[in-house]
Amino acid sequence: MPPKVKFSRERIVAAATEVVRAAGMPALTARALSEQLNSSVAPIFSEFENMDEVRGEVVKQAKLIYDGYIAEGLKQQPFPFKGAGLKYIEFARKEPNLFRVLYMSENRGGMDNFVLLDDNNSKIIDALMSSWSLDEETARKLHKDINIYTHGIAALCVTNSCAFTDEEISERLTFAFTAMLKQIKGAGK
């Protein structure tokens, strides 16, 4: 009898992530994953209890990929906040199935949880505060408001309902941000 093929957890998660990238989370079955690995299902279940555990690892991997986009956006000067928004939309365009996993699955408790879900928020809010001399409360409100707008564009991109060019997206984000900033600063008077 030939020896069983052994795959590391990392290899299985990478293969599972590729299945999800190509066809979405509903396509991630033991059969689809074993086909991606070119093996039986045995190696999967020697490393994982069940497919829900594999799916959880794919979510973590999707988050790491997304974090890379946001880190790159936060390096953009002179407006790292805008860079993060543009990269959020780019992630949606280039990784639509991973975006769906992170930001278009079942309601996770409303908008507050949606904003809190993103571990990058403190960095994004810090960028807002330093770039625009805002206090933390104002920066949080502005971030939440522009996040709704940015997510809308990203969702349009994921559902193939968006025909905006990169330049148009940049212009729209600038316009929306400027209008919201003006409104927030005017409300404080």
Protein backbone atom coordinates (compact mmCIF):
# COMPACT_ATOMS: atom_id res chain seq x y z
CA MET A 1 0.00 0.00 0.00
CA PRO A 2 1.47 3.42 -0.96
CA PRO A 3 2.07 5.90 1.87
CA LYS A 4 -0.63 8.48 2.58
CA VAL A 5 0.05 11.89 1.14
CA LYS A 6 0.54 14.40 3.95
CA PHE A 7 -0.30 18.05 3.50
CA SER A 8 0.49 20.78 5.98
CA ARG A 9 -2.31 22.91 7.42
CA GLU A 10 -0.82 25.87 5.55
CA ARG A 11 -0.97 24.04 2.21
CA ILE A 12 -4.56 22.99 2.82
CA VAL A 13 -5.57 26.54 3.78
CA ALA A 14 -3.79 27.93 0.70
CA ALA A 15 -5.65 25.47 -1.53
CA ALA A 16 -8.96 26.23 0.21
CA THR A 17 -8.33 29.96 -0.28
CA GLU A 18 -7.80 29.36 -3.99
CA VAL A 19 -11.10 27.49 -4.22
CA VAL A 20 -12.87 30.42 -2.54
CA ARG A 21 -11.05 32.98 -4.68
CA ALA A 22 -12.21 31.19 -7.81
CA ALA A 23 -15.77 30.24 -6.89
CA GLY A 24 -16.76 31.71 -3.52
CA MET A 25 -17.21 30.24 -0.06
CA PRO A 26 -20.23 28.07 -0.99
CA ALA A 27 -17.96 26.17 -3.40
CA LEU A 28 -15.58 25.16 -0.61
CA THR A 29 -16.47 21.55 -0.01
CA ALA A 30 -14.28 18.63 1.00
CA ARG A 31 -14.57 17.29 -2.55
CA ALA A 32 -13.60 20.62 -4.18
CA LEU A 33 -10.69 21.02 -1.78
CA SER A 34 -9.44 17.47 -2.36
CA GLU A 35 -9.60 18.11 -6.12
CA GLN A 36 -7.60 21.33 -5.66
CA LEU A 37 -5.01 19.34 -3.66
CA ASN A 38 -5.17 16.46 -6.14
CA SER A 39 -5.71 14.01 -3.31
CA SER A 40 -8.41 12.27 -1.35
CA VAL A 41 -10.22 14.00 1.49
CA ALA A 42 -8.19 12.08 4.08
CA PRO A 43 -5.33 14.63 4.34
CA ILE A 44 -7.87 17.41 4.97
CA PHE A 45 -9.49 15.63 7.88
CA SER A 46 -6.17 14.54 9.33
CA GLU A 47 -5.43 18.26 9.88
CA PHE A 48 -8.92 19.69 10.44
CA GLU A 49 -11.92 18.47 12.43
CA ASN A 50 -14.42 19.59 9.79
CA MET A 51 -14.96 21.94 6.87
CA ASP A 52 -16.19 24.72 9.16
CA GLU A 53 -12.71 24.82 10.68
CA VAL A 54 -11.21 25.06 7.19
CA ARG A 55 -13.62 27.87 6.32
CA GLY A 56 -12.58 29.72 9.47
CA GLU A 57 -8.97 29.53 8.36
CA VAL A 58 -9.91 30.84 4.91
CA VAL A 59 -11.56 33.84 6.56
CA LYS A 60 -8.32 34.50 8.46
CA GLN A 61 -6.33 34.20 5.23
CA ALA A 62 -8.72 36.57 3.43
CA LYS A 63 -8.25 39.05 6.27
CA LEU A 64 -4.44 38.86 5.92
CA ILE A 65 -4.69 39.51 2.19
CA TYR A 66 -7.05 42.44 2.83
CA ASP A 67 -4.72 43.82 5.52
CA GLY A 68 -1.94 43.94 2.92
CA TYR A 69 -4.07 46.15 0.69
CA ILE A 70 -4.91 48.53 3.54
CA ALA A 71 -1.28 48.72 4.72
CA GLU A 72 -0.30 49.72 1.19
CA GLY A 73 -3.06 52.34 1.09
CA LEU A 74 -2.00 53.86 4.41
CA LYS A 75 1.44 54.53 2.92
CA GLN A 76 -0.04 56.82 0.25
CA GLN A 77 0.78 60.45 0.83
CA PRO A 78 -0.39 63.10 1.35
CA PHE A 79 -3.71 61.41 2.23
CA PRO A 80 -3.32 57.93 3.71
CA PHE A 81 -7.02 57.88 4.62
CA LYS A 82 -7.97 58.19 0.97
CA GLY A 83 -5.32 55.61 0.08
CA ALA A 84 -6.97 53.14 2.46
CA GLY A 85 -10.37 53.78 0.85
CA LEU A 86 -9.00 53.30 -2.63
CA LYS A 87 -7.30 50.06 -1.59
CA TYR A 88 -10.54 48.83 0.03
CA ILE A 89 -12.23 49.25 -3.36
CA GLU A 90 -9.26 47.71 -5.18
CA PHE A 91 -9.46 44.67 -2.91
CA ALA A 92 -13.16 44.36 -3.79
CA ARG A 93 -12.37 44.58 -7.51
CA LYS A 94 -9.41 42.19 -7.53
CA GLU A 95 -10.62 39.74 -4.88
CA PRO A 96 -14.42 39.80 -5.17
CA ASN A 97 -15.01 36.44 -3.55
CA LEU A 98 -12.71 37.20 -0.63
CA PHE A 99 -14.39 40.60 -0.26
CA ARG A 100 -17.77 38.84 -0.13
CA VAL A 101 -16.46 36.56 2.61
CA LEU A 102 -15.31 39.49 4.74
CA TYR A 103 -17.83 42.22 4.00
CA MET A 104 -20.89 40.86 2.22
CA SER A 105 -21.90 37.85 4.26
CA GLU A 106 -24.68 37.66 6.81
CA ASN A 107 -25.31 40.67 9.02
CA ARG A 108 -22.81 40.67 11.85
CA GLY A 109 -24.70 43.02 14.11
CA GLY A 110 -25.22 46.18 12.10
CA MET A 111 -23.01 49.04 10.97
CA ASP A 112 -21.18 49.44 14.27
CA ASN A 113 -19.94 45.86 14.08
CA PHE A 114 -19.12 46.30 10.39
CA VAL A 115 -16.82 49.22 11.20
CA LEU A 116 -15.41 47.46 14.27
CA LEU A 117 -14.73 44.29 12.25
CA ASP A 118 -11.77 45.91 10.56
CA ASP A 119 -8.66 45.82 12.77
CA ASN A 120 -7.16 48.53 10.57
CA ASN A 121 -9.63 51.14 11.80
CA SER A 122 -7.39 52.54 14.52
CA LYS A 123 -4.65 53.17 11.94
CA ILE A 124 -7.15 54.70 9.53
CA ILE A 125 -8.61 56.95 12.24
CA ASP A 126 -5.11 58.00 13.32
CA ALA A 127 -4.38 58.94 9.70
CA LEU A 128 -7.55 61.02 9.59
CA MET A 129 -6.70 62.77 12.84
CA SER A 130 -3.15 63.64 11.80
CA SER A 131 -3.95 64.62 8.19
CA TRP A 132 -6.92 66.84 9.03
CA SER A 133 -6.27 67.90 12.65
CA LEU A 134 -9.44 66.22 13.87
CA ASP A 135 -10.25 65.07 17.38
CA GLU A 136 -10.87 61.35 17.79
CA GLU A 137 -14.67 61.58 18.06
CA THR A 138 -14.92 63.62 14.86
CA ALA A 139 -12.49 61.32 13.04
CA ARG A 140 -14.51 58.26 14.08
CA LYS A 141 -17.76 59.80 12.85
CA LEU A 142 -16.22 60.86 9.56
CA HIS A 143 -14.65 57.43 9.10
CA LYS A 144 -17.96 55.69 9.72
CA ASP A 145 -19.81 57.96 7.29
CA ILE A 146 -17.26 57.74 4.46
CA ASN A 147 -16.95 53.99 5.06
CA ILE A 148 -20.62 53.59 4.14
CA TYR A 149 -20.00 55.43 0.86
CA THR A 150 -16.78 53.55 0.12
CA HIS A 151 -18.41 50.21 0.87
CA GLY A 152 -21.20 51.11 -1.54
CA ILE A 153 -18.74 51.62 -4.38
CA ALA A 154 -16.92 48.41 -3.45
CA ALA A 155 -20.19 46.47 -3.41
CA LEU A 156 -21.06 47.86 -6.84
CA CYS A 157 -17.68 46.65 -8.09
CA VAL A 158 -18.12 43.17 -6.61
CA THR A 159 -21.55 42.77 -8.19
CA ASN A 160 -20.30 44.03 -11.57
CA SER A 161 -22.60 47.04 -11.34
CA CYS A 162 -19.76 49.57 -11.38
CA ALA A 163 -18.23 50.90 -14.54
CA PHE A 164 -16.22 53.65 -12.84
CA THR A 165 -12.61 54.11 -13.81
CA ASP A 166 -9.96 54.41 -11.12
CA GLU A 167 -9.93 58.16 -11.71
CA GLU A 168 -13.70 58.42 -11.31
CA ILE A 169 -13.58 56.44 -8.07
CA SER A 170 -10.83 58.69 -6.76
CA GLU A 171 -12.83 61.80 -7.69
CA ARG A 172 -16.00 60.45 -6.08
CA LEU A 173 -14.19 59.59 -2.85
CA THR A 174 -12.62 63.05 -2.75
CA PHE A 175 -15.97 64.73 -3.39
CA ALA A 176 -17.80 62.66 -0.75
CA PHE A 177 -15.03 63.10 1.82
CA THR A 178 -14.83 66.85 1.25
CA ALA A 179 -18.60 67.25 1.56
CA MET A 180 -18.73 65.14 4.74
CA LEU A 181 -15.74 66.93 6.27
CA LYS A 182 -17.32 70.31 5.52
CA GLN A 183 -20.61 69.15 7.05
CA ILE A 184 -18.95 67.80 10.19
CA LYS A 185 -16.77 70.87 10.69
CA GLY A 186 -19.77 73.14 10.02
CA ALA A 187 -21.89 71.22 12.53
CA GLY A 188 -19.34 72.02 15.23
CA LYS A 189 -19.85 75.79 14.85
